N, C-alpha and C. Protein backbone atom coordinates (compact mmCIF):
# COMPACT_ATOMS: atom_id res chain seq x y z
N MET A 1 9.17 -24.93 -18.04
CA MET A 1 8.18 -24.70 -16.81
C MET A 1 7.05 -23.64 -16.90
N ASN A 2 5.96 -23.95 -16.62
CA ASN A 2 4.76 -23.16 -16.58
C ASN A 2 4.83 -22.35 -15.58
N THR A 3 5.00 -21.00 -15.65
CA THR A 3 5.12 -19.83 -14.65
C THR A 3 3.68 -19.87 -13.85
N MET A 4 2.55 -20.30 -14.30
CA MET A 4 1.37 -20.23 -13.75
C MET A 4 1.15 -21.31 -12.54
N GLU A 5 2.18 -22.48 -12.71
CA GLU A 5 2.21 -23.20 -11.54
C GLU A 5 2.68 -22.85 -10.45
N SER A 6 3.68 -21.58 -10.65
CA SER A 6 4.03 -21.03 -9.25
C SER A 6 3.42 -20.19 -8.36
N PHE A 7 2.13 -20.22 -8.58
CA PHE A 7 1.09 -19.23 -7.87
C PHE A 7 0.07 -20.27 -7.33
N VAL A 8 -0.36 -19.79 -5.97
CA VAL A 8 -1.57 -20.54 -5.71
C VAL A 8 -2.46 -19.41 -5.44
N THR A 9 -3.72 -19.74 -5.74
CA THR A 9 -4.82 -18.76 -5.72
C THR A 9 -5.78 -19.05 -4.57
N HIS A 10 -5.76 -18.02 -3.33
CA HIS A 10 -6.82 -18.58 -2.40
C HIS A 10 -8.03 -17.86 -2.41
N PRO A 11 -9.28 -18.18 -2.09
CA PRO A 11 -10.42 -17.85 -1.95
C PRO A 11 -10.54 -16.43 -1.39
N LEU A 12 -11.48 -15.32 -1.58
CA LEU A 12 -11.40 -14.08 -0.88
C LEU A 12 -11.93 -14.64 0.63
N ASP A 13 -11.17 -13.96 1.61
CA ASP A 13 -11.34 -13.61 2.86
C ASP A 13 -13.00 -13.29 3.08
N PRO A 14 -13.86 -14.30 3.86
CA PRO A 14 -15.29 -13.76 4.08
C PRO A 14 -15.34 -12.49 4.94
N GLN A 15 -14.55 -12.01 5.64
CA GLN A 15 -14.27 -10.97 6.41
C GLN A 15 -14.12 -9.72 5.23
N ASP A 16 -13.44 -9.87 4.13
CA ASP A 16 -13.40 -8.99 2.93
C ASP A 16 -14.33 -8.58 2.19
N ALA A 17 -14.93 -9.80 1.92
CA ALA A 17 -16.12 -10.10 0.97
C ALA A 17 -16.97 -8.65 0.93
N SER A 18 -17.65 -8.39 2.07
CA SER A 18 -18.71 -7.20 2.23
C SER A 18 -17.85 -6.14 1.76
N ILE A 19 -16.68 -5.95 2.13
CA ILE A 19 -15.77 -4.50 1.64
C ILE A 19 -15.60 -4.37 0.12
N ILE A 20 -15.16 -5.67 -0.51
CA ILE A 20 -14.83 -5.67 -1.84
C ILE A 20 -16.40 -5.34 -2.22
N ALA A 21 -17.45 -6.06 -2.08
CA ALA A 21 -18.72 -5.66 -2.55
C ALA A 21 -19.24 -4.28 -2.65
N GLY A 22 -19.15 -3.52 -1.59
CA GLY A 22 -19.41 -2.20 -1.18
C GLY A 22 -18.54 -1.33 -2.38
N ILE A 23 -16.94 -1.47 -2.51
CA ILE A 23 -16.32 -0.87 -3.28
C ILE A 23 -16.81 -1.07 -5.04
N ARG A 24 -17.16 -2.27 -5.09
CA ARG A 24 -17.71 -2.60 -6.29
C ARG A 24 -19.00 -1.71 -6.58
N ASN A 25 -19.69 -1.57 -5.58
CA ASN A 25 -21.33 -1.09 -5.68
C ASN A 25 -21.06 0.68 -5.76
N ALA A 26 -20.06 1.03 -4.97
CA ALA A 26 -19.70 2.55 -4.92
C ALA A 26 -19.11 3.24 -6.21
N THR A 27 -18.24 1.96 -6.88
CA THR A 27 -17.48 2.67 -7.99
C THR A 27 -18.57 2.44 -9.70
N ARG A 28 -19.32 1.54 -9.46
CA ARG A 28 -20.26 1.17 -10.59
C ARG A 28 -20.62 2.26 -11.61
N THR A 29 -20.82 3.43 -10.63
CA THR A 29 -21.63 4.48 -11.58
C THR A 29 -20.58 5.40 -12.05
N GLN A 30 -19.16 5.32 -11.55
CA GLN A 30 -18.13 6.05 -12.24
C GLN A 30 -17.21 5.50 -13.23
N LYS A 31 -17.65 4.11 -13.52
CA LYS A 31 -16.97 3.33 -14.66
C LYS A 31 -17.14 4.39 -16.17
N GLY A 32 -15.88 4.50 -16.56
CA GLY A 32 -15.91 5.32 -17.88
C GLY A 32 -15.96 6.55 -17.59
N ALA A 33 -16.19 7.54 -16.24
CA ALA A 33 -16.24 8.87 -16.29
C ALA A 33 -14.99 9.22 -16.24
N HIS A 34 -14.61 10.65 -16.60
CA HIS A 34 -13.41 10.98 -16.86
C HIS A 34 -12.91 11.60 -15.29
N TRP A 35 -11.73 11.36 -14.99
CA TRP A 35 -11.30 11.57 -13.71
C TRP A 35 -11.01 12.81 -13.54
N ARG A 36 -11.48 13.48 -12.24
CA ARG A 36 -11.44 15.00 -11.81
C ARG A 36 -10.94 14.99 -10.47
N ILE A 37 -9.88 15.83 -10.18
CA ILE A 37 -9.22 16.04 -8.95
C ILE A 37 -10.38 16.18 -7.92
N GLU A 38 -11.70 16.44 -7.97
CA GLU A 38 -12.85 16.52 -7.17
C GLU A 38 -13.00 15.42 -6.73
N ALA A 39 -12.83 14.29 -7.34
CA ALA A 39 -13.17 13.06 -6.97
C ALA A 39 -12.35 12.42 -5.92
N ARG A 40 -11.42 12.87 -5.41
CA ARG A 40 -10.49 12.45 -4.24
C ARG A 40 -10.99 12.38 -3.11
N GLN A 41 -12.16 13.04 -2.86
CA GLN A 41 -12.71 13.30 -1.37
C GLN A 41 -13.50 12.06 -1.75
N GLN A 42 -14.24 11.85 -2.59
CA GLN A 42 -15.22 10.45 -2.87
C GLN A 42 -14.33 9.32 -2.56
N PHE A 43 -13.14 9.17 -3.28
CA PHE A 43 -12.36 7.86 -3.20
C PHE A 43 -11.86 7.64 -1.74
N ASP A 44 -11.36 8.61 -1.09
CA ASP A 44 -10.84 8.42 0.27
C ASP A 44 -12.26 8.25 1.23
N ALA A 45 -13.05 8.64 0.85
CA ALA A 45 -14.24 8.15 2.02
C ALA A 45 -14.61 6.98 1.62
N LEU A 46 -14.36 6.48 0.19
CA LEU A 46 -14.60 5.24 0.02
C LEU A 46 -13.85 4.16 0.70
N MET A 47 -12.37 4.54 0.89
CA MET A 47 -11.37 3.93 1.69
C MET A 47 -11.53 3.71 3.20
N GLU A 48 -11.86 5.20 3.56
CA GLU A 48 -11.96 5.29 5.14
C GLU A 48 -13.19 4.49 5.83
N GLY A 49 -14.21 3.93 4.46
CA GLY A 49 -15.11 3.01 5.23
C GLY A 49 -14.82 1.70 5.51
N VAL A 50 -13.63 1.32 5.26
CA VAL A 50 -13.05 -0.17 6.03
C VAL A 50 -13.03 -0.09 7.47
N PRO A 51 -13.84 -1.09 8.05
CA PRO A 51 -13.98 -0.95 9.63
C PRO A 51 -12.75 -0.97 10.29
N PRO A 52 -12.64 -0.20 11.30
CA PRO A 52 -11.11 -0.01 12.01
C PRO A 52 -10.97 -1.23 13.06
N ARG A 53 -9.84 -1.45 13.43
CA ARG A 53 -9.36 -2.47 14.40
C ARG A 53 -9.32 -1.62 15.61
N ASP A 54 -9.54 -2.51 16.83
CA ASP A 54 -9.36 -2.04 17.97
C ASP A 54 -7.93 -2.00 18.57
N ASP A 55 -7.18 -2.53 17.76
CA ASP A 55 -5.91 -3.12 18.37
C ASP A 55 -4.78 -2.54 17.75
N VAL A 56 -4.94 -1.51 17.00
CA VAL A 56 -4.15 -0.97 15.84
C VAL A 56 -3.96 0.92 16.15
N THR A 57 -2.82 1.48 16.34
CA THR A 57 -2.76 2.64 16.67
C THR A 57 -1.95 3.21 15.28
N PHE A 58 -2.29 4.88 15.10
CA PHE A 58 -1.45 5.52 14.45
C PHE A 58 -0.84 6.69 14.70
N GLU A 59 0.68 6.88 13.77
CA GLU A 59 1.22 7.97 14.20
C GLU A 59 1.61 8.70 12.78
N SER A 60 1.41 9.99 12.81
CA SER A 60 1.91 10.66 11.84
C SER A 60 3.32 10.77 11.80
N ALA A 61 4.26 10.76 10.66
CA ALA A 61 5.40 10.71 10.72
C ALA A 61 6.00 11.29 9.37
N ALA A 62 7.14 11.51 9.33
CA ALA A 62 7.85 11.60 7.81
C ALA A 62 8.91 10.66 7.82
N VAL A 63 9.04 9.65 6.58
CA VAL A 63 10.17 9.06 6.61
C VAL A 63 10.90 9.36 5.21
N GLY A 64 12.09 9.63 5.38
CA GLY A 64 12.67 10.05 4.07
C GLY A 64 12.31 11.33 3.47
N ASP A 65 11.50 12.31 4.44
CA ASP A 65 11.08 13.40 4.36
C ASP A 65 9.80 13.31 3.35
N VAL A 66 9.04 12.21 3.54
CA VAL A 66 7.93 11.80 2.86
C VAL A 66 6.79 11.80 3.98
N PRO A 67 5.88 12.82 4.38
CA PRO A 67 4.75 12.47 5.13
C PRO A 67 3.87 11.27 4.90
N GLY A 68 3.60 10.66 6.04
CA GLY A 68 2.51 9.63 5.80
C GLY A 68 2.18 9.25 7.47
N LEU A 69 1.93 7.64 7.49
CA LEU A 69 1.28 7.37 8.66
C LEU A 69 1.82 5.86 9.04
N TRP A 70 2.61 5.84 10.28
CA TRP A 70 2.98 4.66 11.03
C TRP A 70 1.81 4.04 11.29
N VAL A 71 1.34 2.55 11.06
CA VAL A 71 0.03 1.82 11.58
C VAL A 71 0.81 1.04 12.40
N ARG A 72 0.41 0.72 13.71
CA ARG A 72 1.29 0.13 14.89
C ARG A 72 0.04 -0.98 15.38
N PRO A 73 0.15 -2.28 14.93
CA PRO A 73 -0.59 -3.43 15.80
C PRO A 73 -0.06 -3.34 17.29
N ALA A 74 -0.81 -3.82 17.96
CA ALA A 74 -0.58 -4.00 19.52
C ALA A 74 0.89 -5.06 19.68
N SER A 75 0.88 -5.91 18.71
CA SER A 75 2.16 -6.75 18.85
C SER A 75 2.65 -6.74 17.37
N SER A 76 4.10 -6.29 17.33
CA SER A 76 4.85 -6.18 16.39
C SER A 76 6.41 -6.57 16.56
N ARG A 77 6.92 -6.71 15.47
CA ARG A 77 8.49 -7.11 15.51
C ARG A 77 8.91 -5.54 15.15
N SER A 78 10.21 -5.58 15.95
CA SER A 78 10.96 -4.10 15.75
C SER A 78 11.69 -3.83 14.58
N ASP A 79 12.27 -5.19 14.33
CA ASP A 79 13.40 -5.23 13.02
C ASP A 79 12.46 -5.29 11.51
N GLU A 80 11.27 -5.52 11.65
CA GLU A 80 10.54 -5.60 10.35
C GLU A 80 9.54 -4.63 10.20
N ALA A 81 9.14 -4.27 8.74
CA ALA A 81 8.09 -3.38 8.72
C ALA A 81 7.26 -3.50 7.28
N ILE A 82 6.16 -3.20 7.03
CA ILE A 82 5.53 -3.40 5.79
C ILE A 82 5.69 -1.57 5.00
N LEU A 83 5.96 -1.68 3.76
CA LEU A 83 5.78 -0.54 3.09
C LEU A 83 4.63 -0.53 2.41
N TYR A 84 3.61 0.14 2.55
CA TYR A 84 2.08 0.01 1.89
C TYR A 84 2.18 1.16 1.10
N LEU A 85 2.00 0.92 -0.28
CA LEU A 85 1.93 2.05 -1.13
C LEU A 85 0.38 2.06 -1.74
N HIS A 86 -0.28 3.17 -1.38
CA HIS A 86 -1.85 3.35 -1.63
C HIS A 86 -2.09 3.28 -2.95
N GLY A 87 -2.96 3.01 -3.62
CA GLY A 87 -3.92 3.07 -4.61
C GLY A 87 -4.23 4.23 -4.93
N GLY A 88 -4.87 4.51 -6.28
CA GLY A 88 -5.49 5.84 -6.48
C GLY A 88 -5.10 6.51 -7.74
N TRP A 89 -4.98 5.76 -9.01
CA TRP A 89 -4.55 5.89 -10.02
C TRP A 89 -3.40 7.09 -10.13
N PHE A 90 -2.56 7.20 -9.27
CA PHE A 90 -1.43 8.31 -9.09
C PHE A 90 -2.15 9.75 -8.60
N CYS A 91 -3.38 9.70 -8.60
CA CYS A 91 -3.59 11.01 -8.40
C CYS A 91 -4.95 11.06 -7.51
N ALA A 92 -5.19 10.07 -6.83
CA ALA A 92 -5.84 10.11 -5.19
C ALA A 92 -5.30 9.23 -4.25
N GLY A 93 -6.12 8.97 -3.41
CA GLY A 93 -5.63 8.23 -2.15
C GLY A 93 -4.75 9.01 -1.10
N SER A 94 -4.70 8.40 0.38
CA SER A 94 -3.98 9.03 1.10
C SER A 94 -3.53 7.86 2.34
N ALA A 95 -2.74 8.42 2.89
CA ALA A 95 -2.34 7.54 4.01
C ALA A 95 -3.59 7.57 4.90
N LYS A 96 -4.15 8.47 5.20
CA LYS A 96 -5.34 8.74 6.33
C LYS A 96 -6.70 7.67 5.82
N ALA A 97 -6.67 7.82 4.32
CA ALA A 97 -7.67 7.09 3.87
C ALA A 97 -7.46 5.48 4.05
N TYR A 98 -6.34 5.08 3.74
CA TYR A 98 -6.00 3.80 3.72
C TYR A 98 -5.37 3.14 5.23
N ARG A 99 -5.75 3.94 6.21
CA ARG A 99 -4.98 3.71 7.47
C ARG A 99 -5.98 2.41 8.07
N HIS A 100 -7.33 1.97 7.62
CA HIS A 100 -7.80 1.20 8.53
C HIS A 100 -7.45 -0.17 7.62
N LEU A 101 -7.41 0.08 6.20
CA LEU A 101 -7.10 -1.20 5.43
C LEU A 101 -5.97 -1.70 5.85
N VAL A 102 -4.95 -0.87 5.96
CA VAL A 102 -3.43 -1.30 6.28
C VAL A 102 -3.39 -1.75 7.83
N GLY A 103 -4.22 -1.11 8.54
CA GLY A 103 -4.34 -1.60 9.99
C GLY A 103 -4.54 -3.10 10.02
N HIS A 104 -5.60 -3.78 9.34
CA HIS A 104 -5.95 -4.92 9.06
C HIS A 104 -4.61 -5.75 8.75
N ILE A 105 -4.00 -5.47 7.51
CA ILE A 105 -2.80 -5.97 7.21
C ILE A 105 -1.84 -6.10 8.08
N ALA A 106 -1.25 -5.13 9.03
CA ALA A 106 -0.20 -4.83 9.63
C ALA A 106 -0.60 -5.99 11.00
N ALA A 107 -2.31 -5.69 11.31
CA ALA A 107 -2.26 -6.86 12.71
C ALA A 107 -1.93 -8.26 12.14
N ARG A 108 -2.72 -8.32 11.02
CA ARG A 108 -2.70 -9.74 10.53
C ARG A 108 -1.23 -10.45 10.42
N ALA A 109 -0.15 -9.37 9.76
CA ALA A 109 1.05 -9.88 9.66
C ALA A 109 2.04 -9.72 11.07
N GLY A 110 1.65 -9.03 11.78
CA GLY A 110 2.43 -8.79 13.16
C GLY A 110 3.29 -7.90 12.94
N THR A 111 3.22 -6.90 12.21
CA THR A 111 4.36 -5.93 12.23
C THR A 111 3.70 -4.45 11.85
N ARG A 112 4.71 -3.57 11.83
CA ARG A 112 4.00 -2.16 11.82
C ARG A 112 4.20 -1.85 10.37
N ALA A 113 3.51 -0.91 9.97
CA ALA A 113 3.49 -0.63 8.24
C ALA A 113 3.54 1.01 8.48
N PHE A 114 4.21 1.53 7.26
CA PHE A 114 4.31 2.83 6.90
C PHE A 114 3.34 3.15 5.72
N VAL A 115 2.62 3.77 5.55
CA VAL A 115 1.75 4.47 4.35
C VAL A 115 2.40 5.98 3.99
N PRO A 116 2.97 5.96 3.04
CA PRO A 116 3.68 7.37 2.50
C PRO A 116 2.64 8.01 1.69
N ASP A 117 2.49 9.49 1.89
CA ASP A 117 1.59 10.17 1.42
C ASP A 117 2.49 10.71 0.13
N TYR A 118 2.80 9.82 -0.80
CA TYR A 118 3.66 10.16 -1.96
C TYR A 118 2.68 11.29 -2.87
N ARG A 119 3.69 12.11 -3.41
CA ARG A 119 3.18 12.79 -4.30
C ARG A 119 2.43 12.65 -5.40
N LEU A 120 0.81 13.48 -5.45
CA LEU A 120 -0.23 12.72 -6.37
C LEU A 120 -0.15 13.81 -7.70
N ALA A 121 -0.45 13.35 -8.75
CA ALA A 121 -0.58 13.97 -10.11
C ALA A 121 -1.79 14.56 -10.08
N PRO A 122 -2.21 15.56 -10.94
CA PRO A 122 -1.31 16.18 -11.80
C PRO A 122 -0.53 17.16 -11.29
N GLU A 123 -0.53 17.63 -10.08
CA GLU A 123 0.12 18.67 -9.42
C GLU A 123 1.49 18.26 -9.34
N HIS A 124 1.72 17.10 -9.19
CA HIS A 124 3.05 16.54 -8.98
C HIS A 124 3.49 15.45 -10.25
N PRO A 125 4.18 15.88 -11.49
CA PRO A 125 3.91 14.57 -12.71
C PRO A 125 5.11 13.69 -12.30
N PHE A 126 5.06 12.93 -12.90
CA PHE A 126 5.85 11.70 -13.01
C PHE A 126 7.33 12.54 -12.98
N PRO A 127 8.46 12.04 -12.21
CA PRO A 127 8.69 10.71 -11.58
C PRO A 127 8.14 10.95 -9.91
N ALA A 128 7.42 12.14 -9.72
CA ALA A 128 7.65 12.53 -8.02
C ALA A 128 7.28 11.34 -7.19
N ALA A 129 6.04 10.59 -7.63
CA ALA A 129 5.54 9.39 -6.67
C ALA A 129 6.73 8.37 -6.52
N VAL A 130 7.58 8.17 -7.76
CA VAL A 130 8.61 7.26 -7.51
C VAL A 130 9.92 7.61 -6.41
N ASP A 131 10.11 8.99 -6.75
CA ASP A 131 11.11 9.29 -6.28
C ASP A 131 10.73 9.16 -4.14
N ASP A 132 9.49 9.66 -4.35
CA ASP A 132 8.86 9.61 -2.81
C ASP A 132 9.12 8.32 -2.23
N VAL A 133 8.70 7.37 -2.98
CA VAL A 133 8.92 5.79 -2.69
C VAL A 133 10.01 5.44 -2.31
N LEU A 134 10.99 5.55 -3.48
CA LEU A 134 12.56 5.31 -3.07
C LEU A 134 12.99 6.14 -1.90
N ALA A 135 12.60 7.52 -1.88
CA ALA A 135 13.24 8.20 -0.68
C ALA A 135 12.61 7.32 1.03
N THR A 136 11.43 7.01 0.91
CA THR A 136 10.91 6.27 1.98
C THR A 136 11.53 5.14 2.28
N TYR A 137 11.50 4.07 0.88
CA TYR A 137 12.22 2.97 1.27
C TYR A 137 13.75 3.06 1.72
N ARG A 138 14.61 3.97 1.37
CA ARG A 138 15.93 3.96 1.78
C ARG A 138 15.81 4.49 3.00
N GLU A 139 15.00 5.33 3.32
CA GLU A 139 15.24 5.59 4.99
C GLU A 139 14.81 4.78 5.91
N MET A 140 13.74 3.60 5.38
CA MET A 140 13.44 2.81 6.22
C MET A 140 14.55 1.72 6.45
N GLY A 141 15.18 1.54 5.48
CA GLY A 141 16.17 0.63 5.38
C GLY A 141 17.47 1.41 6.53
N ASP A 142 17.92 2.65 6.10
CA ASP A 142 18.77 3.30 7.13
C ASP A 142 18.36 3.27 8.53
N SER A 143 17.32 3.27 8.83
CA SER A 143 16.82 3.16 10.01
C SER A 143 16.81 2.11 10.98
N GLY A 144 17.43 1.13 10.41
CA GLY A 144 17.59 -0.25 11.10
C GLY A 144 16.40 -1.59 10.66
N ILE A 145 15.66 -0.95 10.20
CA ILE A 145 14.58 -1.75 9.59
C ILE A 145 15.21 -3.06 8.89
N ARG A 146 15.39 -4.37 9.37
CA ARG A 146 16.21 -5.34 8.71
C ARG A 146 15.40 -5.80 7.30
N ARG A 147 14.05 -6.11 7.62
CA ARG A 147 13.19 -6.93 6.59
C ARG A 147 12.18 -5.88 6.19
N ILE A 148 11.68 -5.64 5.05
CA ILE A 148 10.85 -4.59 4.47
C ILE A 148 9.90 -5.37 3.76
N ALA A 149 8.53 -5.55 3.82
CA ALA A 149 7.75 -6.15 2.93
C ALA A 149 6.88 -4.96 2.28
N VAL A 150 7.14 -4.98 0.84
CA VAL A 150 6.56 -3.97 0.00
C VAL A 150 5.33 -4.43 -0.60
N THR A 151 4.12 -3.90 -0.24
CA THR A 151 2.89 -4.15 -0.99
C THR A 151 2.03 -2.92 -1.52
N GLY A 152 1.01 -2.97 -2.43
CA GLY A 152 0.27 -1.85 -2.57
C GLY A 152 -0.89 -2.52 -3.33
N ASP A 153 -1.69 -1.52 -3.74
CA ASP A 153 -2.96 -1.87 -4.70
C ASP A 153 -2.86 -0.79 -5.97
N SER A 154 -3.32 -1.17 -6.86
CA SER A 154 -3.21 -0.65 -8.24
C SER A 154 -2.38 0.36 -8.44
N ALA A 155 -2.27 1.80 -8.44
CA ALA A 155 -1.04 2.46 -8.75
C ALA A 155 0.17 2.31 -7.62
N GLY A 156 -0.49 1.89 -6.27
CA GLY A 156 0.64 1.36 -5.31
C GLY A 156 1.11 0.25 -5.69
N GLY A 157 0.45 -0.98 -6.53
CA GLY A 157 1.29 -1.94 -6.89
C GLY A 157 1.98 -1.72 -7.92
N ASN A 158 2.05 -0.67 -8.62
CA ASN A 158 2.53 -0.36 -9.73
C ASN A 158 4.08 0.29 -9.31
N LEU A 159 3.87 1.23 -8.16
CA LEU A 159 5.14 1.65 -7.41
C LEU A 159 5.90 0.49 -6.88
N ALA A 160 5.41 -0.68 -6.14
CA ALA A 160 6.08 -1.42 -5.69
C ALA A 160 6.91 -2.25 -6.65
N LEU A 161 6.18 -2.35 -7.86
CA LEU A 161 6.89 -3.23 -9.11
C LEU A 161 8.02 -1.97 -9.46
N VAL A 162 7.89 -0.72 -9.50
CA VAL A 162 9.24 0.07 -10.03
C VAL A 162 9.99 0.05 -8.72
N LEU A 163 9.74 -0.11 -7.81
CA LEU A 163 11.02 -0.53 -6.53
C LEU A 163 11.59 -1.62 -7.07
N ALA A 164 10.94 -2.68 -7.19
CA ALA A 164 11.48 -4.00 -7.64
C ALA A 164 12.38 -3.80 -8.39
N SER A 165 11.97 -3.17 -9.44
CA SER A 165 13.14 -3.12 -10.72
C SER A 165 14.37 -1.91 -10.13
N TYR A 166 14.20 -1.05 -9.24
CA TYR A 166 15.39 -0.84 -8.59
C TYR A 166 16.12 -1.93 -7.86
N LEU A 167 15.50 -2.69 -7.18
CA LEU A 167 16.19 -3.30 -6.40
C LEU A 167 17.06 -4.54 -7.28
N ALA A 168 16.57 -4.77 -8.17
CA ALA A 168 16.65 -5.94 -9.34
C ALA A 168 18.02 -5.19 -9.94
N ALA A 169 17.87 -3.94 -10.35
CA ALA A 169 19.18 -3.27 -10.92
C ALA A 169 20.33 -2.96 -9.90
N GLU A 170 19.80 -3.23 -8.54
CA GLU A 170 20.75 -3.04 -7.26
C GLU A 170 21.07 -1.28 -7.39
N THR A 171 20.04 -0.53 -7.62
CA THR A 171 20.02 0.93 -7.36
C THR A 171 20.07 1.11 -6.18
N VAL A 172 19.42 0.30 -5.43
CA VAL A 172 19.11 0.52 -4.07
C VAL A 172 19.34 -0.58 -3.29
N PRO A 173 19.79 -0.75 -1.91
CA PRO A 173 20.29 -2.09 -1.28
C PRO A 173 18.51 -3.18 -1.19
N ALA A 174 18.80 -4.33 -1.14
CA ALA A 174 17.51 -4.90 -1.11
C ALA A 174 17.14 -5.37 0.23
N LYS A 175 16.29 -5.12 0.88
CA LYS A 175 15.78 -5.43 1.94
C LYS A 175 14.21 -6.11 1.82
N ALA A 176 13.80 -5.86 0.89
CA ALA A 176 12.32 -6.20 0.47
C ALA A 176 11.83 -7.27 0.16
N ILE A 177 10.47 -7.59 0.33
CA ILE A 177 9.85 -8.65 0.11
C ILE A 177 8.48 -7.91 -0.70
N LEU A 178 8.37 -8.35 -1.69
CA LEU A 178 7.54 -7.79 -2.55
C LEU A 178 6.37 -8.45 -2.80
N SER A 179 4.83 -7.71 -2.66
CA SER A 179 3.65 -8.27 -2.84
C SER A 179 2.78 -7.36 -3.67
N GLU A 180 2.01 -7.47 -4.50
CA GLU A 180 0.89 -6.51 -4.95
C GLU A 180 -0.33 -7.20 -4.56
N ARG A 181 -1.09 -6.53 -3.81
CA ARG A 181 -2.18 -6.80 -3.30
C ARG A 181 -3.41 -6.51 -4.12
N ARG A 182 -4.28 -7.62 -4.35
CA ARG A 182 -5.43 -7.61 -5.46
C ARG A 182 -6.64 -7.97 -5.05
N HIS A 183 -7.61 -8.14 -5.40
CA HIS A 183 -8.97 -8.69 -5.20
C HIS A 183 -8.88 -10.31 -4.55
N CYS A 184 -7.89 -11.06 -5.11
CA CYS A 184 -7.67 -12.39 -4.81
C CYS A 184 -6.29 -12.29 -4.06
N ARG A 185 -5.85 -13.16 -3.41
CA ARG A 185 -4.52 -13.51 -2.92
C ARG A 185 -3.73 -14.44 -3.45
N ARG A 186 -2.61 -14.10 -3.96
CA ARG A 186 -1.78 -14.83 -4.48
C ARG A 186 -0.37 -14.93 -3.60
N SER A 187 0.13 -16.35 -3.29
CA SER A 187 1.58 -16.37 -2.64
C SER A 187 2.29 -17.36 -3.66
N LEU A 188 3.61 -17.06 -3.53
CA LEU A 188 4.54 -18.08 -4.46
C LEU A 188 4.77 -19.39 -3.57
N THR A 189 4.73 -20.50 -4.13
CA THR A 189 4.93 -21.80 -3.79
C THR A 189 6.32 -22.28 -3.66
């Protein structure tokens, strides 16, 4: 069986096209430049440029002793949640910067989402981010959330796959549906 036949590629949502174009334009001058901690503010400002929704609220919280934000759409199911793992090369990004993007995802999915502020490198080297994601996932499961959708972009997508490997090895109980958000959307058929 050809594994590529298992995927359906969907076109970019027209509402997202202008955001993606803005990200490409804003990052074009930085291609190939050496990463510096000072670039965190620029990255966060770029992500905070996602237009907010009027039907989503945000609540600071800690899940598994990891600080972050709950993103709550006006309508959601109480026994389900999204664990959104932000991108940023493992050394940038934050729950606050990603809140509007995750607000769109949560509202479209009809469920709340938690965005952890996992510890960033270089101040907190590997496996700090992995430890934070595992602690967050475990606490979400222990709190009565029956189904957890795990998704992320860039470094967050990597962390989602690390979590998947722990689930596959039965190191943590499986309550997750895993997805990596990319510039195009894929769904299993």
